[in-house]
Amino acid sequence: MSYTEIFMVGWNLNALMFMINLSLAVKVFKSNDIVNLNKESENLKELKERFEELYPYRKYDILITYLFPFTAFFRVSFRIFEMTMFFNKNEGTKMYDFIVYKYQTDIDKKEDN
């Protein structure tokens, strides 16, 4: 297998993970009503602003992970594993609860350092 073929497999796996992320987002949007989504979005906006203050280059980090072969695949695979473990441990939770949990733990980690 040549390096070109390995890179193509890696980018295809990154594209697959992008599509899985997109399908999860669409599933969450379809499962909630608009009023509830707006309320959750307002609550998440505050956390996101604090998160972006602490991690100003996060957008570039995500973009770079999708450009390098296999990095987004491993990153998103780990995040999906983390989600399933969170949902198994905390029954009755939604994606919103997981997002709040992730934002809050990342913010707390950065503020503790």
PDB file of N, CA and C in Angstrom:
ATOM      1  N   MET A   1       0.846  -1.174   0.000  1.00  0.00           N
ATOM      2  CA  MET A   1       0.000   0.000   0.000  1.00  0.00           C
ATOM      3  C   MET A   1       0.890   1.235   0.000  1.00  0.00           C
ATOM      4  N   SER A   2       0.654   2.131  -0.925  1.00  0.00           N
ATOM      5  CA  SER A   2       1.478   3.331  -1.025  1.00  0.00           C
ATOM      6  C   SER A   2       0.996   4.389  -0.023  1.00  0.00           C
ATOM      7  N   TYR A   3       1.836   5.402   0.147  1.00  0.00           N
ATOM      8  CA  TYR A   3       1.476   6.490   1.047  1.00  0.00           C
ATOM      9  C   TYR A   3       0.223   7.216   0.566  1.00  0.00           C
ATOM     10  N   THR A   4       0.081   7.348  -0.725  1.00  0.00           N
ATOM     11  CA  THR A   4      -1.104   8.009  -1.276  1.00  0.00           C
ATOM     12  C   THR A   4      -2.371   7.243  -0.922  1.00  0.00           C
ATOM     13  N   GLU A   5      -2.323   5.938  -1.030  1.00  0.00           N
ATOM     14  CA  GLU A   5      -3.479   5.123  -0.677  1.00  0.00           C
ATOM     15  C   GLU A   5      -3.790   5.205   0.812  1.00  0.00           C
ATOM     16  N   ILE A   6      -2.750   5.218   1.637  1.00  0.00           N
ATOM     17  CA  ILE A   6      -2.943   5.345   3.090  1.00  0.00           C
ATOM     18  C   ILE A   6      -3.578   6.689   3.419  1.00  0.00           C
ATOM     19  N   PHE A   7      -3.093   7.766   2.788  1.00  0.00           N
ATOM     20  CA  PHE A   7      -3.668   9.080   3.012  1.00  0.00           C
ATOM     21  C   PHE A   7      -5.125   9.124   2.568  1.00  0.00           C
ATOM     22  N   MET A   8      -5.427   8.501   1.444  1.00  0.00           N
ATOM     23  CA  MET A   8      -6.803   8.501   0.943  1.00  0.00           C
ATOM     24  C   MET A   8      -7.730   7.750   1.908  1.00  0.00           C
ATOM     25  N   VAL A   9      -7.272   6.633   2.442  1.00  0.00           N
ATOM     26  CA  VAL A   9      -8.071   5.893   3.424  1.00  0.00           C
ATOM     27  C   VAL A   9      -8.299   6.767   4.659  1.00  0.00           C
ATOM     28  N   GLY A  10      -7.246   7.452   5.119  1.00  0.00           N
ATOM     29  CA  GLY A  10      -7.367   8.328   6.289  1.00  0.00           C
ATOM     30  C   GLY A  10      -8.340   9.462   6.063  1.00  0.00           C
ATOM     31  N   TRP A  11      -8.266  10.104   4.899  1.00  0.00           N
ATOM     32  CA  TRP A  11      -9.193  11.203   4.617  1.00  0.00           C
ATOM     33  C   TRP A  11     -10.617  10.698   4.432  1.00  0.00           C
ATOM     34  N   ASN A  12     -10.761   9.500   3.863  1.00  0.00           N
ATOM     35  CA  ASN A  12     -12.105   8.928   3.744  1.00  0.00           C
ATOM     36  C   ASN A  12     -12.699   8.622   5.116  1.00  0.00           C
ATOM     37  N   LEU A  13     -11.866   8.138   6.035  1.00  0.00           N
ATOM     38  CA  LEU A  13     -12.349   7.903   7.399  1.00  0.00           C
ATOM     39  C   LEU A  13     -12.687   9.220   8.085  1.00  0.00           C
ATOM     40  N   ASN A  14     -11.896  10.270   7.849  1.00  0.00           N
ATOM     41  CA  ASN A  14     -12.227  11.591   8.392  1.00  0.00           C
ATOM     42  C   ASN A  14     -13.563  12.076   7.844  1.00  0.00           C
ATOM     43  N   ALA A  15     -13.783  11.881   6.542  1.00  0.00           N
ATOM     44  CA  ALA A  15     -15.049  12.291   5.923  1.00  0.00           C
ATOM     45  C   ALA A  15     -16.211  11.488   6.507  1.00  0.00           C
ATOM     46  N   LEU A  16     -15.987  10.201   6.762  1.00  0.00           N
ATOM     47  CA  LEU A  16     -17.019   9.379   7.380  1.00  0.00           C
ATOM     48  C   LEU A  16     -17.385   9.923   8.759  1.00  0.00           C
ATOM     49  N   MET A  17     -16.398  10.297   9.529  1.00  0.00           N
ATOM     50  CA  MET A  17     -16.662  10.836  10.860  1.00  0.00           C
ATOM     51  C   MET A  17     -17.365  12.191  10.789  1.00  0.00           C
ATOM     52  N   PHE A  18     -17.038  12.980   9.782  1.00  0.00           N
ATOM     53  CA  PHE A  18     -17.743  14.245   9.591  1.00  0.00           C
ATOM     54  C   PHE A  18     -19.220  13.981   9.315  1.00  0.00           C
ATOM     55  N   MET A  19     -19.506  12.986   8.491  1.00  0.00           N
ATOM     56  CA  MET A  19     -20.894  12.657   8.173  1.00  0.00           C
ATOM     57  C   MET A  19     -21.620  12.090   9.402  1.00  0.00           C
ATOM     58  N   ILE A  20     -20.920  11.320  10.209  1.00  0.00           N
ATOM     59  CA  ILE A  20     -21.531  10.799  11.445  1.00  0.00           C
ATOM     60  C   ILE A  20     -21.844  11.956  12.389  1.00  0.00           C
ATOM     61  N   ASN A  21     -20.917  12.911  12.520  1.00  0.00           N
ATOM     62  CA  ASN A  21     -21.176  14.104  13.338  1.00  0.00           C
ATOM     63  C   ASN A  21     -22.389  14.858  12.833  1.00  0.00           C
ATOM     64  N   LEU A  22     -22.449  15.047  11.534  1.00  0.00           N
ATOM     65  CA  LEU A  22     -23.568  15.768  10.921  1.00  0.00           C
ATOM     66  C   LEU A  22     -24.884  15.028  11.154  1.00  0.00           C
ATOM     67  N   SER A  23     -24.868  13.713  11.022  1.00  0.00           N
ATOM     68  CA  SER A  23     -26.107  12.949  11.238  1.00  0.00           C
ATOM     69  C   SER A  23     -26.547  13.001  12.698  1.00  0.00           C
ATOM     70  N   LEU A  24     -25.587  13.003  13.631  1.00  0.00           N
ATOM     71  CA  LEU A  24     -25.949  13.152  15.048  1.00  0.00           C
ATOM     72  C   LEU A  24     -26.590  14.509  15.310  1.00  0.00           C
ATOM     73  N   ALA A  25     -26.048  15.550  14.695  1.00  0.00           N
ATOM     74  CA  ALA A  25     -26.620  16.888  14.871  1.00  0.00           C
ATOM     75  C   ALA A  25     -28.038  16.958  14.306  1.00  0.00           C
ATOM     76  N   VAL A  26     -28.254  16.388  13.141  1.00  0.00           N
ATOM     77  CA  VAL A  26     -29.589  16.395  12.534  1.00  0.00           C
ATOM     78  C   VAL A  26     -30.555  15.595  13.395  1.00  0.00           C
ATOM     79  N   LYS A  27     -30.098  14.478  13.937  1.00  0.00           N
ATOM     80  CA  LYS A  27     -30.950  13.657  14.801  1.00  0.00           C
ATOM     81  C   LYS A  27     -31.376  14.439  16.046  1.00  0.00           C
ATOM     82  N   VAL A  28     -30.454  15.196  16.632  1.00  0.00           N
ATOM     83  CA  VAL A  28     -30.781  15.994  17.814  1.00  0.00           C
ATOM     84  C   VAL A  28     -31.770  17.101  17.450  1.00  0.00           C
ATOM     85  N   PHE A  29     -31.558  17.745  16.302  1.00  0.00           N
ATOM     86  CA  PHE A  29     -32.474  18.807  15.884  1.00  0.00           C
ATOM     87  C   PHE A  29     -33.884  18.279  15.644  1.00  0.00           C
ATOM     88  N   LYS A  30     -33.982  17.112  15.044  1.00  0.00           N
ATOM     89  CA  LYS A  30     -35.299  16.552  14.734  1.00  0.00           C
ATOM     90  C   LYS A  30     -36.007  16.027  15.977  1.00  0.00           C
ATOM     91  N   SER A  31     -35.268  15.642  16.996  1.00  0.00           N
ATOM     92  CA  SER A  31     -35.885  15.054  18.183  1.00  0.00           C
ATOM     93  C   SER A  31     -36.429  16.097  19.154  1.00  0.00           C
ATOM     94  N   ASN A  32     -36.050  17.357  18.998  1.00  0.00           N
ATOM     95  CA  ASN A  32     -36.496  18.411  19.905  1.00  0.00           C
ATOM     96  C   ASN A  32     -37.380  19.409  19.175  1.00  0.00           C
ATOM     97  N   ASP A  33     -38.188  20.098  19.964  1.00  0.00           N
ATOM     98  CA  ASP A  33     -38.980  21.173  19.365  1.00  0.00           C
ATOM     99  C   ASP A  33     -38.165  22.464  19.351  1.00  0.00           C
ATOM    100  N   ILE A  34     -38.625  23.421  18.590  1.00  0.00           N
ATOM    101  CA  ILE A  34     -37.858  24.651  18.360  1.00  0.00           C
ATOM    102  C   ILE A  34     -37.718  25.476  19.631  1.00  0.00           C
ATOM    103  N   VAL A  35     -38.747  25.543  20.443  1.00  0.00           N
ATOM    104  CA  VAL A  35     -38.683  26.328  21.680  1.00  0.00           C
ATOM    105  C   VAL A  35     -37.622  25.758  22.611  1.00  0.00           C
ATOM    106  N   ASN A  36     -37.614  24.439  22.751  1.00  0.00           N
ATOM    107  CA  ASN A  36     -36.630  23.782  23.604  1.00  0.00           C
ATOM    108  C   ASN A  36     -35.216  23.971  23.053  1.00  0.00           C
ATOM    109  N   LEU A  37     -35.047  23.857  21.734  1.00  0.00           N
ATOM    110  CA  LEU A  37     -33.730  24.056  21.121  1.00  0.00           C
ATOM    111  C   LEU A  37     -33.218  25.474  21.339  1.00  0.00           C
ATOM    112  N   ASN A  38     -34.104  26.462  21.219  1.00  0.00           N
ATOM    113  CA  ASN A  38     -33.696  27.850  21.441  1.00  0.00           C
ATOM    114  C   ASN A  38     -33.265  28.081  22.885  1.00  0.00           C
ATOM    115  N   LYS A  39     -34.005  27.513  23.825  1.00  0.00           N
ATOM    116  CA  LYS A  39     -33.651  27.658  25.238  1.00  0.00           C
ATOM    117  C   LYS A  39     -32.303  27.000  25.532  1.00  0.00           C
ATOM    118  N   GLU A  40     -32.093  25.799  25.007  1.00  0.00           N
ATOM    119  CA  GLU A  40     -30.819  25.106  25.210  1.00  0.00           C
ATOM    120  C   GLU A  40     -29.682  25.845  24.524  1.00  0.00           C
ATOM    121  N   SER A  41     -29.966  26.405  23.367  1.00  0.00           N
ATOM    122  CA  SER A  41     -28.946  27.152  22.628  1.00  0.00           C
ATOM    123  C   SER A  41     -28.502  28.390  23.394  1.00  0.00           C
ATOM    124  N   GLU A  42     -29.431  29.077  24.021  1.00  0.00           N
ATOM    125  CA  GLU A  42     -29.074  30.256  24.824  1.00  0.00           C
ATOM    126  C   GLU A  42     -28.211  29.865  26.017  1.00  0.00           C
ATOM    127  N   ASN A  43     -28.551  28.751  26.655  1.00  0.00           N
ATOM    128  CA  ASN A  43     -27.744  28.288  27.787  1.00  0.00           C
ATOM    129  C   ASN A  43     -26.340  27.870  27.340  1.00  0.00           C
ATOM    130  N   LEU A  44     -26.259  27.212  26.199  1.00  0.00           N
ATOM    131  CA  LEU A  44     -24.957  26.767  25.698  1.00  0.00           C
ATOM    132  C   LEU A  44     -24.106  27.931  25.202  1.00  0.00           C
ATOM    133  N   LYS A  45     -24.744  29.002  24.784  1.00  0.00           N
ATOM    134  CA  LYS A  45     -24.002  30.159  24.267  1.00  0.00           C
ATOM    135  C   LYS A  45     -23.060  30.725  25.328  1.00  0.00           C
ATOM    136  N   GLU A  46     -23.539  30.813  26.566  1.00  0.00           N
ATOM    137  CA  GLU A  46     -22.699  31.329  27.650  1.00  0.00           C
ATOM    138  C   GLU A  46     -21.499  30.415  27.897  1.00  0.00           C
ATOM    139  N   LEU A  47     -21.747  29.116  27.937  1.00  0.00           N
ATOM    140  CA  LEU A  47     -20.645  28.174  28.135  1.00  0.00           C
ATOM    141  C   LEU A  47     -19.659  28.227  26.980  1.00  0.00           C
ATOM    142  N   LYS A  48     -20.185  28.345  25.761  1.00  0.00           N
ATOM    143  CA  LYS A  48     -19.321  28.383  24.587  1.00  0.00           C
ATOM    144  C   LYS A  48     -18.444  29.623  24.596  1.00  0.00           C
ATOM    145  N   GLU A  49     -18.987  30.759  25.018  1.00  0.00           N
ATOM    146  CA  GLU A  49     -18.188  31.992  25.079  1.00  0.00           C
ATOM    147  C   GLU A  49     -17.059  31.853  26.093  1.00  0.00           C
ATOM    148  N   ARG A  50     -17.357  31.286  27.261  1.00  0.00           N
ATOM    149  CA  ARG A  50     -16.303  31.058  28.255  1.00  0.00           C
ATOM    150  C   ARG A  50     -15.265  30.076  27.727  1.00  0.00           C
ATOM    151  N   PHE A  51     -15.732  29.047  27.042  1.00  0.00           N
ATOM    152  CA  PHE A  51     -14.839  28.038  26.470  1.00  0.00           C
ATOM    153  C   PHE A  51     -13.924  28.656  25.426  1.00  0.00           C
ATOM    154  N   GLU A  52     -14.467  29.506  24.564  1.00  0.00           N
ATOM    155  CA  GLU A  52     -13.665  30.140  23.515  1.00  0.00           C
ATOM    156  C   GLU A  52     -12.664  31.139  24.072  1.00  0.00           C
ATOM    157  N   GLU A  53     -12.977  31.739  25.217  1.00  0.00           N
ATOM    158  CA  GLU A  53     -11.998  32.624  25.865  1.00  0.00           C
ATOM    159  C   GLU A  53     -10.789  31.823  26.349  1.00  0.00           C
ATOM    160  N   LEU A  54     -11.052  30.637  26.875  1.00  0.00           N
ATOM    161  CA  LEU A  54      -9.970  29.810  27.411  1.00  0.00           C
ATOM    162  C   LEU A  54      -9.220  29.044  26.329  1.00  0.00           C
ATOM    163  N   TYR A  55      -9.895  28.701  25.249  1.00  0.00           N
ATOM    164  CA  TYR A  55      -9.297  27.967  24.137  1.00  0.00           C
ATOM    165  C   TYR A  55      -9.499  28.759  22.840  1.00  0.00           C
ATOM    166  N   PRO A  56      -8.741  29.821  22.635  1.00  0.00           N
ATOM    167  CA  PRO A  56      -8.994  30.694  21.473  1.00  0.00           C
ATOM    168  C   PRO A  56      -8.675  30.051  20.119  1.00  0.00           C
ATOM    169  N   TYR A  57      -7.824  29.053  20.077  1.00  0.00           N
ATOM    170  CA  TYR A  57      -7.435  28.445  18.798  1.00  0.00           C
ATOM    171  C   TYR A  57      -8.114  27.110  18.557  1.00  0.00           C
ATOM    172  N   ARG A  58      -9.195  26.853  19.228  1.00  0.00           N
ATOM    173  CA  ARG A  58      -9.894  25.574  19.122  1.00  0.00           C
ATOM    174  C   ARG A  58     -10.444  25.327  17.711  1.00  0.00           C
ATOM    175  N   LYS A  59     -10.931  26.383  17.051  1.00  0.00           N
ATOM    176  CA  LYS A  59     -11.474  26.235  15.693  1.00  0.00           C
ATOM    177  C   LYS A  59     -10.398  25.757  14.732  1.00  0.00           C
ATOM    178  N   TYR A  60      -9.206  26.308  14.863  1.00  0.00           N
ATOM    179  CA  TYR A  60      -8.102  25.894  13.996  1.00  0.00           C
ATOM    180  C   TYR A  60      -7.686  24.463  14.296  1.00  0.00           C
ATOM    181  N   ASP A  61      -7.743  24.102  15.549  1.00  0.00           N
ATOM    182  CA  ASP A  61      -7.412  22.739  15.959  1.00  0.00           C
ATOM    183  C   ASP A  61      -8.354  21.742  15.296  1.00  0.00           C
ATOM    184  N   ILE A  62      -9.627  22.031  15.296  1.00  0.00           N
ATOM    185  CA  ILE A  62     -10.605  21.133  14.679  1.00  0.00           C
ATOM    186  C   ILE A  62     -10.399  21.069  13.169  1.00  0.00           C
ATOM    187  N   LEU A  63     -10.145  22.197  12.550  1.00  0.00           N
ATOM    188  CA  LEU A  63      -9.908  22.218  11.111  1.00  0.00           C
ATOM    189  C   LEU A  63      -8.685  21.385  10.747  1.00  0.00           C
ATOM    190  N   ILE A  64      -7.634  21.506  11.518  1.00  0.00           N
ATOM    191  CA  ILE A  64      -6.408  20.752  11.254  1.00  0.00           C
ATOM    192  C   ILE A  64      -6.633  19.252  11.431  1.00  0.00           C
ATOM    193  N   THR A  65      -7.457  18.873  12.415  1.00  0.00           N
ATOM    194  CA  THR A  65      -7.691  17.436  12.607  1.00  0.00           C
ATOM    195  C   THR A  65      -8.404  16.817  11.417  1.00  0.00           C
ATOM    196  N   TYR A  66      -9.227  17.577  10.724  1.00  0.00           N
ATOM    197  CA  TYR A  66      -9.897  17.026   9.544  1.00  0.00           C
ATOM    198  C   TYR A  66      -8.987  17.028   8.321  1.00  0.00           C
ATOM    199  N   LEU A  67      -7.929  17.810   8.333  1.00  0.00           N
ATOM    200  CA  LEU A  67      -7.016  17.842   7.196  1.00  0.00           C
ATOM    201  C   LEU A  67      -5.970  16.727   7.247  1.00  0.00           C
ATOM    202  N   PHE A  68      -5.557  16.338   8.438  1.00  0.00           N
ATOM    203  CA  PHE A  68      -4.576  15.264   8.562  1.00  0.00           C
ATOM    204  C   PHE A  68      -5.285  13.916   8.568  1.00  0.00           C
ATOM    205  N   PRO A  69      -4.766  12.963   7.825  1.00  0.00           N
ATOM    206  CA  PRO A  69      -5.420  11.650   7.748  1.00  0.00           C
ATOM    207  C   PRO A  69      -5.510  10.975   9.116  1.00  0.00           C
ATOM    208  N   PHE A  70      -6.633  10.354   9.379  1.00  0.00           N
ATOM    209  CA  PHE A  70      -6.927   9.541  10.549  1.00  0.00           C
ATOM    210  C   PHE A  70      -7.141  10.325  11.842  1.00  0.00           C
ATOM    211  N   THR A  71      -6.734  11.586  11.946  1.00  0.00           N
ATOM    212  CA  THR A  71      -6.839  12.279  13.231  1.00  0.00           C
ATOM    213  C   THR A  71      -8.281  12.524  13.626  1.00  0.00           C
ATOM    214  N   ALA A  72      -9.102  12.989  12.708  1.00  0.00           N
ATOM    215  CA  ALA A  72     -10.513  13.208  13.033  1.00  0.00           C
ATOM    216  C   ALA A  72     -11.207  11.891  13.311  1.00  0.00           C
ATOM    217  N   PHE A  73     -10.816  10.851  12.606  1.00  0.00           N
ATOM    218  CA  PHE A  73     -11.407   9.531  12.839  1.00  0.00           C
ATOM    219  C   PHE A  73     -11.188   9.094  14.283  1.00  0.00           C
ATOM    220  N   PHE A  74      -9.949   9.195  14.766  1.00  0.00           N
ATOM    221  CA  PHE A  74      -9.668   8.775  16.130  1.00  0.00           C
ATOM    222  C   PHE A  74     -10.293   9.724  17.150  1.00  0.00           C
ATOM    223  N   ARG A  75     -10.276  10.999  16.848  1.00  0.00           N
ATOM    224  CA  ARG A  75     -10.837  11.977  17.776  1.00  0.00           C
ATOM    225  C   ARG A  75     -12.349  11.797  17.925  1.00  0.00           C
ATOM    226  N   VAL A  76     -13.038  11.674  16.813  1.00  0.00           N
ATOM    227  CA  VAL A  76     -14.493  11.526  16.860  1.00  0.00           C
ATOM    228  C   VAL A  76     -14.870  10.154  17.397  1.00  0.00           C
ATOM    229  N   SER A  77     -14.097   9.134  17.073  1.00  0.00           N
ATOM    230  CA  SER A  77     -14.369   7.800  17.625  1.00  0.00           C
ATOM    231  C   SER A  77     -14.277   7.825  19.145  1.00  0.00           C
ATOM    232  N   PHE A  78     -13.272   8.497  19.665  1.00  0.00           N
ATOM    233  CA  PHE A  78     -13.146   8.621  21.111  1.00  0.00           C
ATOM    234  C   PHE A  78     -14.311   9.402  21.701  1.00  0.00           C
ATOM    235  N   ARG A  79     -14.732  10.472  21.016  1.00  0.00           N
ATOM    236  CA  ARG A  79     -15.848  11.292  21.508  1.00  0.00           C
ATOM    237  C   ARG A  79     -17.148  10.485  21.503  1.00  0.00           C
ATOM    238  N   ILE A  80     -17.363   9.672  20.485  1.00  0.00           N
ATOM    239  CA  ILE A  80     -18.567   8.828  20.440  1.00  0.00           C
ATOM    240  C   ILE A  80     -18.522   7.783  21.552  1.00  0.00           C
ATOM    241  N   PHE A  81     -17.354   7.211  21.783  1.00  0.00           N
ATOM    242  CA  PHE A  81     -17.191   6.276  22.896  1.00  0.00           C
ATOM    243  C   PHE A  81     -17.494   6.967  24.215  1.00  0.00           C
ATOM    244  N   GLU A  82     -16.978   8.185  24.365  1.00  0.00           N
ATOM    245  CA  GLU A  82     -17.218   8.962  25.576  1.00  0.00           C
ATOM    246  C   GLU A  82     -18.708   9.262  25.750  1.00  0.00           C
ATOM    247  N   MET A  83     -19.392   9.581  24.651  1.00  0.00           N
ATOM    248  CA  MET A  83     -20.833   9.833  24.703  1.00  0.00           C
ATOM    249  C   MET A  83     -21.599   8.598  25.152  1.00  0.00           C
ATOM    250  N   THR A  84     -21.278   7.455  24.566  1.00  0.00           N
ATOM    251  CA  THR A  84     -22.006   6.238  24.935  1.00  0.00           C
ATOM    252  C   THR A  84     -21.768   5.875  26.395  1.00  0.00           C
ATOM    253  N   MET A  85     -20.557   6.072  26.878  1.00  0.00           N
ATOM    254  CA  MET A  85     -20.290   5.808  28.291  1.00  0.00           C
ATOM    255  C   MET A  85     -21.068   6.784  29.183  1.00  0.00           C
ATOM    256  N   PHE A  86     -21.149   8.045  28.775  1.00  0.00           N
ATOM    257  CA  PHE A  86     -21.903   9.043  29.537  1.00  0.00           C
ATOM    258  C   PHE A  86     -23.384   8.674  29.574  1.00  0.00           C
ATOM    259  N   PHE A  87     -23.937   8.283  28.428  1.00  0.00           N
ATOM    260  CA  PHE A  87     -25.356   7.947  28.373  1.00  0.00           C
ATOM    261  C   PHE A  87     -25.657   6.652  29.114  1.00  0.00           C
ATOM    262  N   ASN A  88     -24.721   5.706  29.109  1.00  0.00           N
ATOM    263  CA  ASN A  88     -24.927   4.470  29.865  1.00  0.00           C
ATOM    264  C   ASN A  88     -24.887   4.720  31.365  1.00  0.00           C
ATOM    265  N   LYS A  89     -24.003   5.611  31.785  1.00  0.00           N
ATOM    266  CA  LYS A  89     -23.870   5.904  33.210  1.00  0.00           C
ATOM    267  C   LYS A  89     -25.007   6.785  33.709  1.00  0.00           C
ATOM    268  N   ASN A  90     -25.446   7.723  32.897  1.00  0.00           N
ATOM    269  CA  ASN A  90     -26.483   8.682  33.294  1.00  0.00           C
ATOM    270  C   ASN A  90     -27.730   8.442  32.454  1.00  0.00           C
ATOM    271  N   GLU A  91     -28.564   7.535  32.886  1.00  0.00           N
ATOM    272  CA  GLU A  91     -29.760   7.201  32.119  1.00  0.00           C
ATOM    273  C   GLU A  91     -30.729   8.375  32.125  1.00  0.00           C
ATOM    274  N   GLY A  92     -31.415   8.546  31.015  1.00  0.00           N
ATOM    275  CA  GLY A  92     -32.404   9.614  30.898  1.00  0.00           C
ATOM    276  C   GLY A  92     -31.811  10.950  30.492  1.00  0.00           C
ATOM    277  N   THR A  93     -30.531  10.990  30.154  1.00  0.00           N
ATOM    278  CA  THR A  93     -29.922  12.245  29.731  1.00  0.00           C
ATOM    279  C   THR A  93     -30.033  12.401  28.220  1.00  0.00           C
ATOM    280  N   LYS A  94     -29.810  13.634  27.772  1.00  0.00           N
ATOM    281  CA  LYS A  94     -29.882  13.940  26.344  1.00  0.00           C
ATOM    282  C   LYS A  94     -28.522  14.459  25.887  1.00  0.00           C
ATOM    283  N   MET A  95     -28.431  14.725  24.602  1.00  0.00           N
ATOM    284  CA  MET A  95     -27.192  15.253  24.032  1.00  0.00           C
ATOM    285  C   MET A  95     -26.844  16.602  24.677  1.00  0.00           C
ATOM    286  N   TYR A  96     -27.853  17.395  24.986  1.00  0.00           N
ATOM    287  CA  TYR A  96     -27.634  18.684  25.643  1.00  0.00           C
ATOM    288  C   TYR A  96     -26.869  18.501  26.946  1.00  0.00           C
ATOM    289  N   ASP A  97     -27.251  17.515  27.733  1.00  0.00           N
ATOM    290  CA  ASP A  97     -26.573  17.260  29.008  1.00  0.00           C
ATOM    291  C   ASP A  97     -25.116  16.874  28.797  1.00  0.00           C
ATOM    292  N   PHE A  98     -24.856  16.090  27.760  1.00  0.00           N
ATOM    293  CA  PHE A  98     -23.471  15.715  27.466  1.00  0.00           C
ATOM    294  C   PHE A  98     -22.650  16.927  27.038  1.00  0.00           C
ATOM    295  N   ILE A  99     -23.222  17.786  26.217  1.00  0.00           N
ATOM    296  CA  ILE A  99     -22.499  18.977  25.756  1.00  0.00           C
ATOM    297  C   ILE A  99     -22.185  19.894  26.932  1.00  0.00           C
ATOM    298  N   VAL A 100     -23.152  20.093  27.813  1.00  0.00           N
ATOM    299  CA  VAL A 100     -22.912  20.913  29.007  1.00  0.00           C
ATOM    300  C   VAL A 100     -21.809  20.287  29.851  1.00  0.00           C
ATOM    301  N   TYR A 101     -21.869  18.979  30.020  1.00  0.00           N
ATOM    302  CA  TYR A 101     -20.843  18.266  30.793  1.00  0.00           C
ATOM    303  C   TYR A 101     -19.458  18.468  30.198  1.00  0.00           C
ATOM    304  N   LYS A 102     -19.331  18.318  28.859  1.00  0.00           N
ATOM    305  CA  LYS A 102     -18.026  18.457  28.212  1.00  0.00           C
ATOM    306  C   LYS A 102     -17.505  19.887  28.314  1.00  0.00           C
ATOM    307  N   TYR A 103     -18.362  20.859  28.022  1.00  0.00           N
ATOM    308  CA  TYR A 103     -17.935  22.249  28.143  1.00  0.00           C
ATOM    309  C   TYR A 103     -17.477  22.539  29.571  1.00  0.00           C
ATOM    310  N   GLN A 104     -18.283  22.131  30.538  1.00  0.00           N
ATOM    311  CA  GLN A 104     -17.975  22.445  31.930  1.00  0.00           C
ATOM    312  C   GLN A 104     -16.696  21.758  32.391  1.00  0.00           C
ATOM    313  N   THR A 105     -16.480  20.502  32.030  1.00  0.00           N
ATOM    314  CA  THR A 105     -15.257  19.838  32.451  1.00  0.00           C
ATOM    315  C   THR A 105     -14.025  20.433  31.789  1.00  0.00           C
ATOM    316  N   ASP A 106     -14.125  20.806  30.516  1.00  0.00           N
ATOM    317  CA  ASP A 106     -12.983  21.439  29.844  1.00  0.00           C
ATOM    318  C   ASP A 106     -12.695  22.818  30.436  1.00  0.00           C
ATOM    319  N   ILE A 107     -13.726  23.562  30.760  1.00  0.00           N
ATOM    320  CA  ILE A 107     -13.538  24.882  31.377  1.00  0.00           C
ATOM    321  C   ILE A 107     -12.908  24.724  32.749  1.00  0.00           C
ATOM    322  N   ASP A 108     -13.411  23.764  33.531  1.00  0.00           N
ATOM    323  CA  ASP A 108     -12.860  23.539  34.870  1.00  0.00           C
ATOM    324  C   ASP A 108     -11.403  23.098  34.816  1.00  0.00           C
ATOM    325  N   LYS A 109     -11.063  22.250  33.845  1.00  0.00           N
ATOM    326  CA  LYS A 109      -9.656  21.819  33.692  1.00  0.00           C
ATOM    327  C   LYS A 109      -8.743  23.002  33.432  1.00  0.00           C
ATOM    328  N   LYS A 110      -9.167  23.859  32.534  1.00  0.00           N
ATOM    329  CA  LYS A 110      -8.332  25.017  32.155  1.00  0.00           C
ATOM    330  C   LYS A 110      -8.228  26.011  33.315  1.00  0.00           C
ATOM    331  N   GLU A 111      -9.326  26.236  34.019  1.00  0.00           N
ATOM    332  CA  GLU A 111      -9.297  27.184  35.128  1.00  0.00           C
ATOM    333  C   GLU A 111      -8.506  26.661  36.311  1.00  0.00           C
ATOM    334  N   ASP A 112      -8.466  25.334  36.497  1.00  0.00           N
ATOM    335  CA  ASP A 112      -7.692  24.758  37.593  1.00  0.00           C
ATOM    336  C   ASP A 112      -6.194  24.873  37.335  1.00  0.00           C
ATOM    337  N   ASN A 113      -5.798  24.904  36.066  1.00  0.00           N
ATOM    338  CA  ASN A 113      -4.375  25.046  35.756  1.00  0.00           C
ATOM    339  C   ASN A 113      -4.041  26.473  35.853  1.00  0.00           C
TER     340      ASN A 113
END
